[in-house]
């Protein structure tokens, strides 16, 4: 346990970085115990910490992912049906470090290739919602038990959500361009695929880091800035009156407020960290994070181009109801997990 505590403090929470930022600001004559000083410290420390953990995890995940190009993944998933297919689809989403908007083109490709809607929607729900790279950040904020519980519940939501959508028999509700048989052209492209060398895999992993970090850094900065403001400027009483345990509708409110927003999960974590420090329930925070990442307005607009209104409404309803249930369940389980 002592070793785990040391690893958590120095590798995940990066206590060395926290202390270093403190000393740096003090040499500049800034008092980190003041609101302004604490806000600046929060912003610098969290930004550097997130970028370090994010880059390391994306590099490792992308290297492994290079062994499973889309064509190979489609062949693997194409053999699966039923609950097993949903579980694999959801697990696949955990190793693809994409936001909701980036997941939709892959979802379209899977659907065009003839994979069942149950599997493709399990992937679409889990991909932005449950991210192995984000797991380390969640552990650094909430601890191992709450972070793993978030991962497990996100996977359960993806599996159950995909299963329900599959049972609704809405295959005719995909956009016409998806049903025109583009899978044949994709198979022709797959025939030319050659296995990359180790050097090419390393280059691919490095490129993925540059691409993904280059895409999400604005949201990280906005999220860290918002977290710094919440953490040091917004009164505890005000936050708890709206999102605290005393409000029975806090989870529902957090889900509704979070849904229209657009941010990568890495941008929501600093906000979650600040809310957690203010005493907001873990379930309410998790509901907010899930809603922001899985139901953002831009991603729903993109998805509306690929599916028809009935299927889009089913996806929104199933996902939102599932997030709300998870939020209340999380709040109930928190005393057992902390």
Protein backbone atom coordinates (compact mmCIF):
# COMPACT_ATOMS: atom_id res chain seq x y z
CA UNK A 1 0.00 0.00 0.00
CA UNK A 2 2.89 2.36 0.75
CA UNK A 3 4.27 1.78 -2.75
CA UNK A 4 0.86 2.43 -4.33
CA UNK A 5 0.48 5.62 -2.32
CA UNK A 6 3.93 6.78 -3.43
CA UNK A 7 3.17 6.02 -7.09
CA UNK A 8 -0.17 7.81 -6.87
CA UNK A 9 1.40 10.88 -5.25
CA UNK A 10 4.44 11.16 -7.52
CA UNK A 11 3.30 9.69 -10.86
CA UNK A 12 -0.40 10.57 -10.98
CA UNK A 13 -0.90 13.52 -8.65
CA UNK A 14 2.66 14.65 -9.47
CA UNK A 15 3.42 16.09 -6.04
CA UNK A 16 6.86 17.05 -7.34
CA UNK A 17 5.20 19.23 -9.98
CA UNK A 18 2.83 20.75 -7.42
CA UNK A 19 5.75 21.69 -5.17
CA UNK A 20 7.78 22.95 -8.12
CA UNK A 21 5.02 25.27 -9.30
CA UNK A 22 4.65 26.54 -5.73
CA UNK A 23 8.35 27.38 -5.51
CA UNK A 24 8.32 28.97 -8.95
CA UNK A 25 5.45 31.30 -8.09
CA UNK A 26 6.99 32.16 -4.73
CA UNK A 27 10.21 33.21 -6.46
CA UNK A 28 8.08 35.58 -8.52
CA UNK A 29 6.73 37.07 -5.31
CA UNK A 30 3.26 35.54 -5.60
CA UNK A 31 1.49 34.30 -2.48
CA UNK A 32 -0.21 31.00 -3.41
CA UNK A 33 -2.43 31.19 -0.33
CA UNK A 34 -4.37 34.11 -1.84
CA UNK A 35 -7.24 33.61 -4.28
CA UNK A 36 -5.24 34.97 -7.21
CA UNK A 37 -2.13 33.01 -6.32
CA UNK A 38 -4.09 29.79 -5.80
CA UNK A 39 -5.87 30.27 -9.14
CA UNK A 40 -2.62 30.79 -11.01
CA UNK A 41 -1.09 27.77 -9.26
CA UNK A 42 -4.13 25.61 -10.11
CA UNK A 43 -3.97 26.66 -13.77
CA UNK A 44 -0.25 26.04 -14.26
CA UNK A 45 -0.10 22.80 -12.25
CA UNK A 46 -3.22 21.19 -13.75
CA UNK A 47 -2.37 22.20 -17.31
CA UNK A 48 1.12 20.70 -17.18
CA UNK A 49 -0.09 17.58 -15.35
CA UNK A 50 -2.88 16.91 -17.85
CA UNK A 51 -0.64 17.37 -20.88
CA UNK A 52 2.03 15.04 -19.47
CA UNK A 53 -0.40 12.23 -18.58
CA UNK A 54 -2.39 12.71 -21.77
CA UNK A 55 0.68 12.56 -24.04
CA UNK A 56 2.14 9.48 -22.33
CA UNK A 57 -1.12 7.54 -22.42
CA UNK A 58 -2.03 8.46 -26.00
CA UNK A 59 1.44 7.40 -27.15
CA UNK A 60 1.15 4.00 -25.49
CA UNK A 61 -2.43 3.39 -26.56
CA UNK A 62 -1.75 4.48 -30.14
CA UNK A 63 1.20 2.11 -30.41
CA UNK A 64 -1.03 -0.80 -29.36
CA UNK A 65 -3.78 0.49 -31.63
CA UNK A 66 -1.44 0.28 -34.63
CA UNK A 67 -1.87 -3.50 -34.46
CA UNK A 68 -5.63 -3.09 -35.00
CA UNK A 69 -6.32 -0.94 -38.08
CA UNK A 70 -10.00 -0.23 -38.89
CA UNK A 71 -10.21 -3.03 -41.46
CA UNK A 72 -8.95 -5.65 -39.01
CA UNK A 73 -11.22 -4.30 -36.28
CA UNK A 74 -14.23 -4.54 -38.58
CA UNK A 75 -13.39 -8.17 -39.40
CA UNK A 76 -13.13 -9.02 -35.70
CA UNK A 77 -16.36 -7.26 -34.76
CA UNK A 78 -18.13 -8.63 -37.82
CA UNK A 79 -17.97 -12.14 -36.36
CA UNK A 80 -19.61 -11.08 -33.11
CA UNK A 81 -23.27 -10.89 -32.27
CA UNK A 82 -25.32 -10.40 -29.13
CA UNK A 83 -23.98 -9.34 -25.76
CA UNK A 84 -20.42 -10.38 -26.60
CA UNK A 85 -20.39 -8.02 -29.57
CA UNK A 86 -21.67 -5.16 -27.42
CA UNK A 87 -18.99 -5.76 -24.80
CA UNK A 88 -16.20 -5.83 -27.39
CA UNK A 89 -17.62 -2.72 -29.08
CA UNK A 90 -17.69 -0.89 -25.75
CA UNK A 91 -14.17 -2.03 -24.84
CA UNK A 92 -12.92 -0.89 -28.23
CA UNK A 93 -14.23 2.57 -27.42
CA UNK A 94 -12.04 2.73 -24.31
CA UNK A 95 -8.81 2.44 -26.31
CA UNK A 96 -9.74 5.05 -28.92
CA UNK A 97 -8.80 8.44 -27.46
CA UNK A 98 -11.43 10.40 -29.38
CA UNK A 99 -14.02 12.99 -28.51
CA UNK A 100 -17.63 12.41 -29.60
CA UNK A 101 -17.18 14.28 -32.88
CA UNK A 102 -14.08 12.26 -33.79
CA UNK A 103 -15.84 8.98 -32.95
CA UNK A 104 -18.71 9.58 -35.36
CA UNK A 105 -16.72 8.98 -38.60
CA UNK A 106 -15.55 5.63 -37.17
CA UNK A 107 -19.13 4.85 -36.17
CA UNK A 108 -20.20 5.58 -39.76
CA UNK A 109 -17.46 3.32 -41.12
CA UNK A 110 -18.50 0.47 -38.84
CA UNK A 111 -22.15 0.90 -39.80
CA UNK A 112 -21.31 1.00 -43.51
CA UNK A 113 -19.35 -2.22 -43.09
CA UNK A 114 -22.56 -3.92 -41.95
CA UNK A 115 -21.91 -4.20 -38.21
CA UNK A 116 -25.09 -4.39 -36.09
CA UNK A 117 -26.38 -1.11 -34.66
CA UNK A 118 -26.10 -2.58 -31.17
CA UNK A 119 -22.31 -2.91 -31.54
CA UNK A 120 -21.75 0.41 -33.31
CA UNK A 121 -23.75 2.35 -30.72
CA UNK A 122 -21.95 0.62 -27.85
CA UNK A 123 -18.75 1.91 -29.45
CA UNK A 124 -20.21 5.38 -30.03
CA UNK A 125 -21.27 5.72 -26.38
CA UNK A 126 -18.06 4.40 -24.83
CA UNK A 127 -15.51 6.07 -27.11
CA UNK A 128 -15.86 9.65 -25.79
CA UNK A 129 -17.19 8.58 -22.40
CA UNK A 130 -14.66 6.01 -21.22
CA UNK A 131 -11.03 6.67 -22.04
CA UNK A 132 -8.08 4.71 -20.68
CA UNK A 133 -5.91 7.82 -21.04
CA UNK A 134 -8.38 9.79 -18.92
CA UNK A 135 -8.45 7.05 -16.28
CA UNK A 136 -5.07 8.15 -14.92
CA UNK A 137 -6.30 11.72 -14.61
CA UNK A 138 -9.48 10.56 -12.90
CA UNK A 139 -7.41 8.52 -10.43
CA UNK A 140 -5.28 11.58 -9.66
CA UNK A 141 -8.44 13.58 -8.83
CA UNK A 142 -10.93 11.11 -7.33
CA UNK A 143 -8.77 8.17 -6.26
CA UNK A 144 -8.59 4.65 -7.63
CA UNK A 145 -11.98 3.35 -6.46
CA UNK A 146 -14.09 6.21 -7.83
CA UNK A 147 -12.12 6.33 -11.07
CA UNK A 148 -12.49 2.59 -11.70
CA UNK A 149 -16.19 2.81 -10.78
CA UNK A 150 -16.59 5.55 -13.42
CA UNK A 151 -14.88 3.32 -15.99
CA UNK A 152 -17.03 0.31 -15.14
CA UNK A 153 -20.29 2.26 -15.12
CA UNK A 154 -19.41 3.94 -18.41
CA UNK A 155 -18.85 0.53 -19.98
CA UNK A 156 -22.11 -0.78 -18.52
CA UNK A 157 -23.96 2.20 -19.97
CA UNK A 158 -22.37 1.58 -23.38
CA UNK A 159 -23.24 -2.13 -23.35
CA UNK A 160 -26.82 -1.67 -22.11
CA UNK A 161 -27.41 1.41 -24.27
CA UNK A 162 -26.20 -0.36 -27.41
CA UNK A 163 -28.27 -3.44 -26.56
CA UNK A 164 -31.46 -1.39 -26.12
CA UNK A 165 -30.90 0.48 -29.38
CA UNK A 166 -30.28 -2.84 -31.15
CA UNK A 167 -33.54 -4.27 -29.78
CA UNK A 168 -35.50 -1.31 -31.18
CA UNK A 169 -34.89 -2.58 -34.74
CA UNK A 170 -34.09 0.82 -36.21
CA UNK A 171 -31.75 -0.34 -38.98
CA UNK A 172 -33.86 1.57 -41.51
CA UNK A 173 -33.16 4.79 -39.61
CA UNK A 174 -29.58 5.23 -40.85
CA UNK A 175 -28.87 7.87 -43.50
CA UNK A 176 -29.24 6.81 -47.10
CA UNK A 177 -25.54 7.24 -47.92
CA UNK A 178 -24.66 4.68 -45.25
CA UNK A 179 -26.93 2.05 -46.75
CA UNK A 180 -25.66 2.37 -50.33
CA UNK A 181 -22.99 -0.27 -49.95
CA UNK A 182 -19.76 1.66 -49.50
CA UNK A 183 -18.37 -1.25 -47.51
CA UNK A 184 -17.29 -2.95 -50.76
CA UNK A 185 -15.02 -0.03 -51.65
CA UNK A 186 -13.54 -0.10 -48.16
CA UNK A 187 -12.77 -3.82 -48.50
CA UNK A 188 -10.88 -3.08 -51.71
CA UNK A 189 -8.78 -0.54 -49.83
CA UNK A 190 -8.22 -3.07 -47.04
CA UNK A 191 -6.79 -5.53 -49.56
CA UNK A 192 -3.81 -3.22 -50.07
CA UNK A 193 -3.02 -3.00 -46.35
CA UNK A 194 0.51 -3.94 -45.32
CA UNK A 195 1.71 -4.57 -41.78
CA UNK A 196 3.68 -1.53 -40.50
CA UNK A 197 7.21 -1.84 -39.18
CA UNK A 198 8.13 -1.07 -35.56
CA UNK A 199 9.52 2.29 -36.66
CA UNK A 200 6.27 3.09 -38.45
CA UNK A 201 4.27 2.15 -35.35
CA UNK A 202 6.39 4.50 -33.21
CA UNK A 203 5.95 7.25 -35.79
CA UNK A 204 2.19 6.62 -35.84
CA UNK A 205 2.02 6.87 -32.04
CA UNK A 206 3.95 10.14 -32.09
CA UNK A 207 1.71 11.54 -34.79
CA UNK A 208 -1.39 10.58 -32.80
CA UNK A 209 -0.05 12.49 -29.80
CA UNK A 210 0.54 15.59 -31.93
CA UNK A 211 -2.84 15.31 -33.63
CA UNK A 212 -4.97 14.64 -30.56
CA UNK A 213 -3.20 17.06 -28.23
CA UNK A 214 -3.27 19.64 -31.01
CA UNK A 215 -7.03 19.18 -31.27
CA UNK A 216 -7.97 19.17 -27.59
CA UNK A 217 -5.57 21.71 -26.05
CA UNK A 218 -8.02 24.66 -26.29
CA UNK A 219 -10.65 22.69 -24.38
CA UNK A 220 -8.10 21.69 -21.75
CA UNK A 221 -7.11 25.31 -21.19
CA UNK A 222 -10.75 26.41 -21.00
CA UNK A 223 -11.55 23.56 -18.62
CA UNK A 224 -8.56 24.30 -16.38
CA UNK A 225 -9.46 28.00 -16.37
CA UNK A 226 -13.03 27.23 -15.39
CA UNK A 227 -11.79 24.83 -12.73
CA UNK A 228 -9.48 27.48 -11.28
CA UNK A 229 -12.37 29.96 -11.12
CA UNK A 230 -14.71 27.48 -9.45
CA UNK A 231 -12.01 26.28 -7.07
CA UNK A 232 -10.97 29.68 -5.78
CA UNK A 233 -13.62 32.30 -6.58
CA UNK A 234 -17.10 30.76 -6.40
CA UNK A 235 -18.36 30.35 -2.80
CA UNK A 236 -18.80 26.82 -1.50
CA UNK A 237 -22.31 27.63 -0.26
CA UNK A 238 -23.44 28.76 -3.71
CA UNK A 239 -22.15 25.63 -5.44
CA UNK A 240 -23.58 23.28 -2.82
CA UNK A 241 -26.99 24.99 -2.88
CA UNK A 242 -27.30 24.17 -6.58
CA UNK A 243 -25.40 20.90 -7.01
CA UNK A 244 -25.02 19.68 -3.43
CA UNK A 245 -26.68 16.68 -1.82
CA UNK A 246 -29.40 18.94 -0.47
CA UNK A 247 -30.83 19.34 -3.98
CA UNK A 248 -32.54 16.08 -5.04
CA UNK A 249 -32.51 17.23 -8.67
CA UNK A 250 -28.77 17.99 -8.75
CA UNK A 251 -27.92 15.01 -10.97
CA UNK A 252 -30.68 15.81 -13.44
CA UNK A 253 -29.67 19.48 -13.49
CA UNK A 254 -26.00 18.61 -14.05
CA UNK A 255 -26.94 16.30 -16.94
CA UNK A 256 -29.18 18.87 -18.63
CA UNK A 257 -26.63 21.67 -18.19
CA UNK A 258 -23.76 19.52 -19.43
CA UNK A 259 -25.45 18.05 -22.51
CA UNK A 260 -25.34 21.14 -24.81
CA UNK A 261 -21.70 21.90 -23.99
CA UNK A 262 -18.79 20.70 -26.05
CA UNK A 263 -15.55 19.57 -24.46
CA UNK A 264 -13.23 16.61 -24.53
CA UNK A 265 -13.20 14.55 -21.34
CA UNK A 266 -9.75 15.99 -20.62
CA UNK A 267 -11.28 19.46 -20.58
CA UNK A 268 -14.01 18.46 -18.15
CA UNK A 269 -11.71 16.86 -15.57
CA UNK A 270 -10.36 20.18 -14.17
CA UNK A 271 -13.94 21.41 -13.76
CA UNK A 272 -14.82 18.13 -12.04
CA UNK A 273 -11.80 18.50 -9.75
CA UNK A 274 -12.92 21.97 -8.68
CA UNK A 275 -16.52 20.86 -8.08
CA UNK A 276 -15.31 17.87 -6.07
CA UNK A 277 -13.25 20.19 -3.87
CA UNK A 278 -16.38 22.27 -3.28
CA UNK A 279 -18.21 19.24 -1.88
CA UNK A 280 -20.37 18.39 -4.89
CA UNK A 281 -21.35 14.71 -4.95
CA UNK A 282 -19.27 12.40 -7.13
CA UNK A 283 -22.38 11.15 -8.92
CA UNK A 284 -23.46 14.67 -9.84
CA UNK A 285 -19.98 15.41 -11.16
CA UNK A 286 -19.83 12.16 -13.14
CA UNK A 287 -23.25 12.86 -14.67
CA UNK A 288 -22.01 16.30 -15.75
CA UNK A 289 -18.83 14.84 -17.28
CA UNK A 290 -20.69 12.09 -19.10
CA UNK A 291 -23.28 14.49 -20.50
CA UNK A 292 -20.65 16.92 -21.76
CA UNK A 293 -18.58 14.23 -23.47
CA UNK A 294 -21.32 11.96 -24.84
CA UNK A 295 -24.17 14.36 -25.65
CA UNK A 296 -22.49 17.57 -26.76
CA UNK A 297 -24.52 19.64 -29.23
CA UNK A 298 -21.88 19.66 -32.02
CA UNK A 299 -21.57 15.88 -31.92
CA UNK A 300 -25.36 15.46 -32.06
CA UNK A 301 -25.50 17.77 -35.09
CA UNK A 302 -22.87 15.59 -36.79
CA UNK A 303 -24.68 12.42 -35.82
CA UNK A 304 -27.96 13.80 -37.24
CA UNK A 305 -26.32 13.69 -40.68
CA UNK A 306 -25.70 9.96 -40.30
CA UNK A 307 -28.94 8.78 -38.67
CA UNK A 308 -32.59 9.72 -39.00
CA UNK A 309 -34.59 11.52 -36.29
CA UNK A 310 -36.10 8.41 -34.71
CA UNK A 311 -32.71 6.74 -34.19
CA UNK A 312 -31.14 10.01 -33.01
CA UNK A 313 -33.93 10.46 -30.46
CA UNK A 314 -33.44 6.88 -29.25
CA UNK A 315 -29.69 7.46 -28.77
CA UNK A 316 -30.22 10.72 -26.85
CA UNK A 317 -32.98 9.27 -24.66
CA UNK A 318 -31.18 6.04 -23.80
CA UNK A 319 -27.88 7.80 -23.08
CA UNK A 320 -29.36 10.64 -21.02
CA UNK A 321 -31.55 8.35 -18.90
CA UNK A 322 -28.59 6.05 -18.35
CA UNK A 323 -26.36 8.95 -17.27
CA UNK A 324 -28.96 10.17 -14.77
CA UNK A 325 -29.35 6.68 -13.28
CA UNK A 326 -25.56 6.33 -13.01
CA UNK A 327 -25.33 9.73 -11.33
CA UNK A 328 -27.78 8.83 -8.57
CA UNK A 329 -26.23 5.38 -8.18
CA UNK A 330 -22.79 6.95 -7.91
CA UNK A 331 -23.94 9.34 -5.17
CA UNK A 332 -25.38 6.39 -3.27
CA UNK A 333 -22.19 4.33 -3.64
CA UNK A 334 -19.71 7.13 -2.93
CA UNK A 335 -19.55 6.55 0.89
CA UNK A 336 -18.54 2.96 0.16
CA UNK A 337 -15.88 3.93 -2.39
CA UNK A 338 -14.16 6.84 -0.66
